[in-house]
PDB file of all heavy atoms in Angstrom:
ATOM      1  N   GLU A   1      60.208 151.676  21.146  1.00  0.00           N
ATOM      2  CA  GLU A   1      58.890 151.311  21.668  1.00  0.00           C
ATOM      3  C   GLU A   1      58.358 150.035  21.042  1.00  0.00           C
ATOM      4  O   GLU A   1      57.590 149.296  21.660  1.00  0.00           O
ATOM      5  CB  GLU A   1      57.894 152.456  21.412  1.00  0.00           C
ATOM      6  CG  GLU A   1      58.099 153.679  22.290  1.00  0.00           C
ATOM      7  CD  GLU A   1      57.932 153.396  23.759  1.00  0.00           C
ATOM      8  OE1 GLU A   1      56.861 152.906  24.166  1.00  0.00           O
ATOM      9  OE2 GLU A   1      58.885 153.644  24.517  1.00  0.00           O
ATOM     10  N   VAL A   2      58.755 149.779  19.810  1.00  0.00           N
ATOM     11  CA  VAL A   2      58.303 148.594  19.082  1.00  0.00           C
ATOM     12  C   VAL A   2      59.525 147.858  18.542  1.00  0.00           C
ATOM     13  O   VAL A   2      60.362 148.452  17.868  1.00  0.00           O
ATOM     14  CB  VAL A   2      57.368 148.976  17.922  1.00  0.00           C
ATOM     15  CG1 VAL A   2      56.926 147.723  17.172  1.00  0.00           C
ATOM     16  CG2 VAL A   2      56.150 149.744  18.434  1.00  0.00           C
ATOM     17  N   ASP A   3      59.632 146.564  18.855  1.00  0.00           N
ATOM     18  CA  ASP A   3      60.787 145.827  18.358  1.00  0.00           C
ATOM     19  C   ASP A   3      60.506 145.232  16.975  1.00  0.00           C
ATOM     20  O   ASP A   3      59.388 145.302  16.454  1.00  0.00           O
ATOM     21  CB  ASP A   3      61.230 144.741  19.346  1.00  0.00           C
ATOM     22  CG  ASP A   3      60.150 143.707  19.635  1.00  0.00           C
ATOM     23  OD1 ASP A   3      59.330 143.409  18.746  1.00  0.00           O
ATOM     24  OD2 ASP A   3      60.130 143.166  20.768  1.00  0.00           O
ATOM     25  N   THR A   4      61.518 144.644  16.390  1.00  0.00           N
ATOM     26  CA  THR A   4      61.423 144.121  15.024  1.00  0.00           C
ATOM     27  C   THR A   4      60.357 143.040  14.897  1.00  0.00           C
ATOM     28  O   THR A   4      59.609 142.991  13.918  1.00  0.00           O
ATOM     29  CB  THR A   4      62.782 143.571  14.566  1.00  0.00           C
ATOM     30  OG1 THR A   4      63.759 144.618  14.624  1.00  0.00           O
ATOM     31  CG2 THR A   4      62.716 143.059  13.132  1.00  0.00           C
ATOM     32  N   ASP A   5      60.261 142.162  15.904  1.00  0.00           N
ATOM     33  CA  ASP A   5      59.263 141.087  15.855  1.00  0.00           C
ATOM     34  C   ASP A   5      57.841 141.640  15.855  1.00  0.00           C
ATOM     35  O   ASP A   5      56.970 141.134  15.134  1.00  0.00           O
ATOM     36  CB  ASP A   5      59.448 140.145  17.040  1.00  0.00           C
ATOM     37  CG  ASP A   5      60.693 139.278  16.911  1.00  0.00           C
ATOM     38  OD1 ASP A   5      61.194 139.119  15.773  1.00  0.00           O
ATOM     39  OD2 ASP A   5      61.178 138.775  17.948  1.00  0.00           O
ATOM     40  N   GLU A   6      57.608 142.692  16.653  1.00  0.00           N
ATOM     41  CA  GLU A   6      56.277 143.303  16.698  1.00  0.00           C
ATOM     42  C   GLU A   6      55.930 143.938  15.358  1.00  0.00           C
ATOM     43  O   GLU A   6      54.784 143.867  14.898  1.00  0.00           O
ATOM     44  CB  GLU A   6      56.222 144.349  17.804  1.00  0.00           C
ATOM     45  CG  GLU A   6      56.173 143.776  19.214  1.00  0.00           C
ATOM     46  CD  GLU A   6      56.140 144.857  20.270  1.00  0.00           C
ATOM     47  OE1 GLU A   6      57.159 145.546  20.477  1.00  0.00           O
ATOM     48  OE2 GLU A   6      55.080 145.026  20.897  1.00  0.00           O
ATOM     49  N   LEU A   7      56.906 144.566  14.729  1.00  0.00           N
ATOM     50  CA  LEU A   7      56.679 145.160  13.415  1.00  0.00           C
ATOM     51  C   LEU A   7      56.305 144.088  12.394  1.00  0.00           C
ATOM     52  O   LEU A   7      55.417 144.289  11.563  1.00  0.00           O
ATOM     53  CB  LEU A   7      57.923 145.923  12.956  1.00  0.00           C
ATOM     54  CG  LEU A   7      58.166 147.292  13.610  1.00  0.00           C
ATOM     55  CD1 LEU A   7      59.541 147.831  13.234  1.00  0.00           C
ATOM     56  CD2 LEU A   7      57.092 148.287  13.206  1.00  0.00           C
ATOM     57  N   LYS A   8      56.954 142.944  12.470  1.00  0.00           N
ATOM     58  CA  LYS A   8      56.669 141.861  11.535  1.00  0.00           C
ATOM     59  C   LYS A   8      55.260 141.300  11.725  1.00  0.00           C
ATOM     60  O   LYS A   8      54.601 140.891  10.773  1.00  0.00           O
ATOM     61  CB  LYS A   8      57.703 140.743  11.698  1.00  0.00           C
ATOM     62  CG  LYS A   8      59.092 141.087  11.175  1.00  0.00           C
ATOM     63  CD  LYS A   8      60.050 139.932  11.373  1.00  0.00           C
ATOM     64  CE  LYS A   8      61.440 140.252  10.838  1.00  0.00           C
ATOM     65  NZ  LYS A   8      62.399 139.124  11.065  1.00  0.00           N
ATOM     66  N   LYS A   9      54.801 141.271  12.993  1.00  0.00           N
ATOM     67  CA  LYS A   9      53.468 140.736  13.285  1.00  0.00           C
ATOM     68  C   LYS A   9      52.349 141.629  12.755  1.00  0.00           C
ATOM     69  O   LYS A   9      51.222 141.176  12.562  1.00  0.00           O
ATOM     70  CB  LYS A   9      53.297 140.549  14.792  1.00  0.00           C
ATOM     71  CG  LYS A   9      54.150 139.433  15.381  1.00  0.00           C
ATOM     72  CD  LYS A   9      53.981 139.358  16.883  1.00  0.00           C
ATOM     73  CE  LYS A   9      54.884 138.271  17.493  1.00  0.00           C
ATOM     74  NZ  LYS A   9      54.772 138.244  18.981  1.00  0.00           N
ATOM     75  N   SER A  10      52.663 142.901  12.540  1.00  0.00           N
ATOM     76  CA  SER A  10      51.661 143.837  12.030  1.00  0.00           C
ATOM     77  C   SER A  10      51.620 143.734  10.505  1.00  0.00           C
ATOM     78  O   SER A  10      52.063 144.631   9.773  1.00  0.00           O
ATOM     79  CB  SER A  10      52.009 145.263  12.484  1.00  0.00           C
ATOM     80  OG  SER A  10      50.959 146.139  12.196  1.00  0.00           O
ATOM     81  N   GLU A  11      51.053 142.656  10.015  1.00  0.00           N
ATOM     82  CA  GLU A  11      51.136 142.305   8.601  1.00  0.00           C
ATOM     83  C   GLU A  11      50.317 143.212   7.682  1.00  0.00           C
ATOM     84  O   GLU A  11      50.580 143.296   6.482  1.00  0.00           O
ATOM     85  CB  GLU A  11      50.696 140.852   8.405  1.00  0.00           C
ATOM     86  CG  GLU A  11      51.615 139.841   9.120  1.00  0.00           C
ATOM     87  CD  GLU A  11      51.163 138.415   8.948  1.00  0.00           C
ATOM     88  OE1 GLU A  11      50.021 138.226   8.430  1.00  0.00           O
ATOM     89  OE2 GLU A  11      51.917 137.488   9.312  1.00  0.00           O
ATOM     90  N   LYS A  12      49.311 143.912   8.243  1.00  0.00           N
ATOM     91  CA  LYS A  12      48.449 144.757   7.410  1.00  0.00           C
ATOM     92  C   LYS A  12      48.844 146.234   7.464  1.00  0.00           C
ATOM     93  O   LYS A  12      48.114 147.096   6.974  1.00  0.00           O
ATOM     94  CB  LYS A  12      46.995 144.582   7.838  1.00  0.00           C
ATOM     95  CG  LYS A  12      46.475 143.152   7.646  1.00  0.00           C
ATOM     96  CD  LYS A  12      45.009 143.031   7.998  1.00  0.00           C
ATOM     97  CE  LYS A  12      44.506 141.603   7.768  1.00  0.00           C
ATOM     98  NZ  LYS A  12      43.059 141.483   8.036  1.00  0.00           N
ATOM     99  N   LEU A  13      50.014 146.507   8.048  1.00  0.00           N
ATOM    100  CA  LEU A  13      50.503 147.880   8.176  1.00  0.00           C
ATOM    101  C   LEU A  13      51.538 148.181   7.101  1.00  0.00           C
ATOM    102  O   LEU A  13      52.480 147.417   6.917  1.00  0.00           O
ATOM    103  CB  LEU A  13      51.108 148.084   9.571  1.00  0.00           C
ATOM    104  CG  LEU A  13      51.885 149.375   9.822  1.00  0.00           C
ATOM    105  CD1 LEU A  13      50.998 150.602   9.675  1.00  0.00           C
ATOM    106  CD2 LEU A  13      52.541 149.332  11.210  1.00  0.00           C
ATOM    107  N   VAL A  14      51.359 149.304   6.422  1.00  0.00           N
ATOM    108  CA  VAL A  14      52.352 149.791   5.465  1.00  0.00           C
ATOM    109  C   VAL A  14      52.763 151.204   5.875  1.00  0.00           C
ATOM    110  O   VAL A  14      51.989 151.936   6.488  1.00  0.00           O
ATOM    111  CB  VAL A  14      51.826 149.792   4.016  1.00  0.00           C
ATOM    112  CG1 VAL A  14      51.510 148.384   3.559  1.00  0.00           C
ATOM    113  CG2 VAL A  14      50.594 150.679   3.868  1.00  0.00           C
ATOM    114  N   PHE A  15      53.977 151.588   5.522  1.00  0.00           N
ATOM    115  CA  PHE A  15      54.506 152.895   5.896  1.00  0.00           C
ATOM    116  C   PHE A  15      54.692 153.766   4.655  1.00  0.00           C
ATOM    117  O   PHE A  15      55.082 153.283   3.588  1.00  0.00           O
ATOM    118  CB  PHE A  15      55.844 152.750   6.612  1.00  0.00           C
ATOM    119  CG  PHE A  15      55.761 151.962   7.889  1.00  0.00           C
ATOM    120  CD1 PHE A  15      56.309 150.682   7.977  1.00  0.00           C
ATOM    121  CD2 PHE A  15      55.136 152.493   9.008  1.00  0.00           C
ATOM    122  CE1 PHE A  15      56.234 149.957   9.153  1.00  0.00           C
ATOM    123  CE2 PHE A  15      55.050 151.768  10.188  1.00  0.00           C
ATOM    124  CZ  PHE A  15      55.600 150.501  10.259  1.00  0.00           C
ATOM    125  N   SER A  16      54.439 155.064   4.822  1.00  0.00           N
ATOM    126  CA  SER A  16      54.568 155.969   3.678  1.00  0.00           C
ATOM    127  C   SER A  16      54.738 157.408   4.146  1.00  0.00           C
ATOM    128  O   SER A  16      54.267 157.795   5.216  1.00  0.00           O
ATOM    129  CB  SER A  16      53.338 155.867   2.770  1.00  0.00           C
ATOM    130  OG  SER A  16      53.433 156.788   1.694  1.00  0.00           O
ATOM    131  N   ASN A  17      55.418 158.204   3.322  1.00  0.00           N
ATOM    132  CA  ASN A  17      55.460 159.660   3.507  1.00  0.00           C
ATOM    133  C   ASN A  17      54.861 160.364   2.299  1.00  0.00           C
ATOM    134  O   ASN A  17      55.066 161.560   2.102  1.00  0.00           O
ATOM    135  CB  ASN A  17      56.900 160.140   3.750  1.00  0.00           C
ATOM    136  CG  ASN A  17      57.829 159.859   2.591  1.00  0.00           C
ATOM    137  OD1 ASN A  17      57.610 158.957   1.786  1.00  0.00           O
ATOM    138  ND2 ASN A  17      58.903 160.636   2.502  1.00  0.00           N
ATOM    139  N   ASP A  18      54.115 159.615   1.497  1.00  0.00           N
ATOM    140  CA  ASP A  18      53.454 160.129   0.298  1.00  0.00           C
ATOM    141  C   ASP A  18      51.964 160.329   0.593  1.00  0.00           C
ATOM    142  O   ASP A  18      51.255 159.361   0.927  1.00  0.00           O
ATOM    143  CB  ASP A  18      53.644 159.152  -0.865  1.00  0.00           C
ATOM    144  CG  ASP A  18      53.122 159.684  -2.192  1.00  0.00           C
ATOM    145  OD1 ASP A  18      52.361 160.681  -2.196  1.00  0.00           O
ATOM    146  OD2 ASP A  18      53.447 159.083  -3.232  1.00  0.00           O
ATOM    147  N   ILE A  19      51.489 161.567   0.467  1.00  0.00           N
ATOM    148  CA  ILE A  19      50.091 161.886   0.764  1.00  0.00           C
ATOM    149  C   ILE A  19      49.129 161.054  -0.076  1.00  0.00           C
ATOM    150  O   ILE A  19      48.036 160.694   0.369  1.00  0.00           O
ATOM    151  CB  ILE A  19      49.828 163.389   0.554  1.00  0.00           C
ATOM    152  CG1 ILE A  19      50.657 164.207   1.543  1.00  0.00           C
ATOM    153  CG2 ILE A  19      48.348 163.720   0.733  1.00  0.00           C
ATOM    154  CD1 ILE A  19      50.555 165.705   1.334  1.00  0.00           C
ATOM    155  N   ALA A  20      49.538 160.730  -1.293  1.00  0.00           N
ATOM    156  CA  ALA A  20      48.675 159.951  -2.181  1.00  0.00           C
ATOM    157  C   ALA A  20      48.289 158.606  -1.571  1.00  0.00           C
ATOM    158  O   ALA A  20      47.218 158.063  -1.867  1.00  0.00           O
ATOM    159  CB  ALA A  20      49.371 159.743  -3.525  1.00  0.00           C
ATOM    160  N   ASP A  21      49.152 158.071  -0.696  1.00  0.00           N
ATOM    161  CA  ASP A  21      48.900 156.752  -0.108  1.00  0.00           C
ATOM    162  C   ASP A  21      47.830 156.776   0.977  1.00  0.00           C
ATOM    163  O   ASP A  21      47.374 155.713   1.418  1.00  0.00           O
ATOM    164  CB  ASP A  21      50.201 156.174   0.451  1.00  0.00           C
ATOM    165  CG  ASP A  21      51.176 155.774  -0.649  1.00  0.00           C
ATOM    166  OD1 ASP A  21      50.719 155.493  -1.773  1.00  0.00           O
ATOM    167  OD2 ASP A  21      52.401 155.772  -0.390  1.00  0.00           O
ATOM    168  N   ILE A  22      47.452 157.952   1.449  1.00  0.00           N
ATOM    169  CA  ILE A  22      46.384 158.032   2.450  1.00  0.00           C
ATOM    170  C   ILE A  22      45.096 158.602   1.855  1.00  0.00           C
ATOM    171  O   ILE A  22      44.110 158.789   2.573  1.00  0.00           O
ATOM    172  CB  ILE A  22      46.812 158.875   3.670  1.00  0.00           C
ATOM    173  CG1 ILE A  22      47.073 160.331   3.284  1.00  0.00           C
ATOM    174  CG2 ILE A  22      48.036 158.258   4.341  1.00  0.00           C
ATOM    175  CD1 ILE A  22      47.307 161.247   4.491  1.00  0.00           C
ATOM    176  N   ALA A  23      45.094 158.868   0.567  1.00  0.00           N
ATOM    177  CA  ALA A  23      43.952 159.531  -0.065  1.00  0.00           C
ATOM    178  C   ALA A  23      42.686 158.689  -0.048  1.00  0.00           C
ATOM    179  O   ALA A  23      41.572 159.232  -0.008  1.00  0.00           O
ATOM    180  CB  ALA A  23      44.305 159.917  -1.501  1.00  0.00           C
ATOM    181  N   ASP A  24      42.829 157.362  -0.093  1.00  0.00           N
ATOM    182  CA  ASP A  24      41.635 156.515  -0.108  1.00  0.00           C
ATOM    183  C   ASP A  24      41.247 156.024   1.282  1.00  0.00           C
ATOM    184  O   ASP A  24      40.338 155.198   1.427  1.00  0.00           O
ATOM    185  CB  ASP A  24      41.825 155.333  -1.055  1.00  0.00           C
ATOM    186  CG  ASP A  24      42.925 154.380  -0.608  1.00  0.00           C
ATOM    187  OD1 ASP A  24      43.749 154.785   0.256  1.00  0.00           O
ATOM    188  OD2 ASP A  24      42.955 153.231  -1.112  1.00  0.00           O
ATOM    189  N   CYS A  25      41.909 156.527   2.336  1.00  0.00           N
ATOM    190  CA  CYS A  25      41.518 156.179   3.698  1.00  0.00           C
ATOM    191  C   CYS A  25      40.262 156.956   4.080  1.00  0.00           C
ATOM    192  O   CYS A  25      39.964 158.007   3.515  1.00  0.00           O
ATOM    193  CB  CYS A  25      42.648 156.484   4.675  1.00  0.00           C
ATOM    194  SG  CYS A  25      44.140 155.469   4.432  1.00  0.00           S
TER     195      CYS A  25
END
């Protein structure tokens, strides 16, 4: 659904499977 170029353009997106990383959202 999303190609590599689109992923690169999303510069403020980070990926995680650690709950601690969403705690301050």
